[in-house]
Amino acid sequence: MVQNGGSGRKGSFGQSMKAVMWSFLGVRKRRDLEADAAQLNPLHVIIAALIGAAIFIGILILIVRAVVG
């Protein structure tokens, strides 16, 4: 019987953030991807991806303002 109380995954938010940042760069190894899929909490990955996207957009805005202004 499967319990719906939790995902049972033990990955920390820091591990999720690290996995997302490496994925943004596109340099993940297949075995690392499979290990992440087995360990990381999907909610942590989604939150880390949103934070990473916000940081990326912020950096782009700063670069554009520096070049234009």
C-alpha atoms as a PDB file:
ATOM      1  CA  MET A   1       0.000   0.000   0.000  1.00  0.00           C
ATOM      2  CA  VAL A   2       1.351   3.438  -0.958  1.00  0.00           C
ATOM      3  CA  GLN A   3       0.897   6.314   1.437  1.00  0.00           C
ATOM      4  CA  ASN A   4       0.119   9.766   0.056  1.00  0.00           C
ATOM      5  CA  GLY A   5       1.541  11.594   3.073  1.00  0.00           C
ATOM      6  CA  GLY A   6       4.857  12.571   1.452  1.00  0.00           C
ATOM      7  CA  SER A   7       7.144  11.926  -1.444  1.00  0.00           C
ATOM      8  CA  GLY A   8       9.685  10.006   0.672  1.00  0.00           C
ATOM      9  CA  ARG A   9      12.578  11.785  -1.021  1.00  0.00           C
ATOM     10  CA  LYS A  10      15.442  13.045   1.117  1.00  0.00           C
ATOM     11  CA  GLY A  11      17.118  15.626  -1.134  1.00  0.00           C
ATOM     12  CA  SER A  12      17.734  19.047   0.397  1.00  0.00           C
ATOM     13  CA  PHE A  13      16.802  22.375  -1.164  1.00  0.00           C
ATOM     14  CA  GLY A  14      20.508  23.126  -1.659  1.00  0.00           C
ATOM     15  CA  GLN A  15      20.913  19.950  -3.716  1.00  0.00           C
ATOM     16  CA  SER A  16      17.882  20.954  -5.773  1.00  0.00           C
ATOM     17  CA  MET A  17      19.306  24.427  -6.377  1.00  0.00           C
ATOM     18  CA  LYS A  18      22.655  22.962  -7.421  1.00  0.00           C
ATOM     19  CA  ALA A  19      20.962  20.523  -9.827  1.00  0.00           C
ATOM     20  CA  VAL A  20      18.884  23.301 -11.388  1.00  0.00           C
ATOM     21  CA  MET A  21      21.894  25.604 -11.851  1.00  0.00           C
ATOM     22  CA  TRP A  22      23.909  22.852 -13.535  1.00  0.00           C
ATOM     23  CA  SER A  23      20.899  22.089 -15.723  1.00  0.00           C
ATOM     24  CA  PHE A  24      20.663  25.754 -16.749  1.00  0.00           C
ATOM     25  CA  LEU A  25      24.242  25.453 -17.991  1.00  0.00           C
ATOM     26  CA  GLY A  26      23.424  22.209 -19.801  1.00  0.00           C
ATOM     27  CA  VAL A  27      26.321  20.199 -18.420  1.00  0.00           C
ATOM     28  CA  ARG A  28      24.507  17.463 -16.475  1.00  0.00           C
ATOM     29  CA  LYS A  29      25.661  13.875 -16.816  1.00  0.00           C
ATOM     30  CA  ARG A  30      23.027  11.211 -17.361  1.00  0.00           C
ATOM     31  CA  ARG A  31      23.886   9.383 -14.143  1.00  0.00           C
ATOM     32  CA  ASP A  32      23.598  12.645 -12.177  1.00  0.00           C
ATOM     33  CA  LEU A  33      20.215  13.315 -13.770  1.00  0.00           C
ATOM     34  CA  GLU A  34      18.995   9.845 -12.805  1.00  0.00           C
ATOM     35  CA  ALA A  35      20.290  10.266  -9.245  1.00  0.00           C
ATOM     36  CA  ASP A  36      18.540  13.638  -8.979  1.00  0.00           C
ATOM     37  CA  ALA A  37      15.274  12.170 -10.258  1.00  0.00           C
ATOM     38  CA  ALA A  38      15.442   9.511  -7.545  1.00  0.00           C
ATOM     39  CA  GLN A  39      16.504  11.803  -4.666  1.00  0.00           C
ATOM     40  CA  LEU A  40      15.192  15.326  -5.111  1.00  0.00           C
ATOM     41  CA  ASN A  41      11.827  16.619  -4.019  1.00  0.00           C
ATOM     42  CA  PRO A  42       9.904  17.869  -7.095  1.00  0.00           C
ATOM     43  CA  LEU A  43       8.545  20.871  -5.173  1.00  0.00           C
ATOM     44  CA  HIS A  44      12.106  21.922  -4.279  1.00  0.00           C
ATOM     45  CA  VAL A  45      13.134  21.605  -7.934  1.00  0.00           C
ATOM     46  CA  ILE A  46      10.238  23.801  -9.100  1.00  0.00           C
ATOM     47  CA  ILE A  47      11.005  26.473  -6.493  1.00  0.00           C
ATOM     48  CA  ALA A  48      14.735  26.349  -7.319  1.00  0.00           C
ATOM     49  CA  ALA A  49      13.949  26.707 -11.028  1.00  0.00           C
ATOM     50  CA  LEU A  50      11.763  29.763 -10.388  1.00  0.00           C
ATOM     51  CA  ILE A  51      14.492  31.342  -8.260  1.00  0.00           C
ATOM     52  CA  GLY A  52      17.111  30.546 -10.908  1.00  0.00           C
ATOM     53  CA  ALA A  53      14.953  32.033 -13.676  1.00  0.00           C
ATOM     54  CA  ALA A  54      14.388  35.203 -11.617  1.00  0.00           C
ATOM     55  CA  ILE A  55      18.143  35.564 -11.033  1.00  0.00           C
ATOM     56  CA  PHE A  56      18.835  35.016 -14.742  1.00  0.00           C
ATOM     57  CA  ILE A  57      16.256  37.645 -15.768  1.00  0.00           C
ATOM     58  CA  GLY A  58      17.641  40.088 -13.190  1.00  0.00           C
ATOM     59  CA  ILE A  59      21.163  39.659 -14.554  1.00  0.00           C
ATOM     60  CA  LEU A  60      19.936  40.213 -18.108  1.00  0.00           C
ATOM     61  CA  ILE A  61      18.134  43.412 -17.066  1.00  0.00           C
ATOM     62  CA  LEU A  62      21.284  44.701 -15.330  1.00  0.00           C
ATOM     63  CA  ILE A  63      23.395  43.962 -18.431  1.00  0.00           C
ATOM     64  CA  VAL A  64      20.922  45.714 -20.745  1.00  0.00           C
ATOM     65  CA  ARG A  65      20.749  48.783 -18.472  1.00  0.00           C
ATOM     66  CA  ALA A  66      24.554  48.940 -18.312  1.00  0.00           C
ATOM     67  CA  VAL A  67      24.892  48.755 -22.102  1.00  0.00           C
ATOM     68  CA  VAL A  68      22.043  51.133 -22.960  1.00  0.00           C
ATOM     69  CA  GLY A  69      22.480  53.666 -20.152  1.00  0.00           C
END
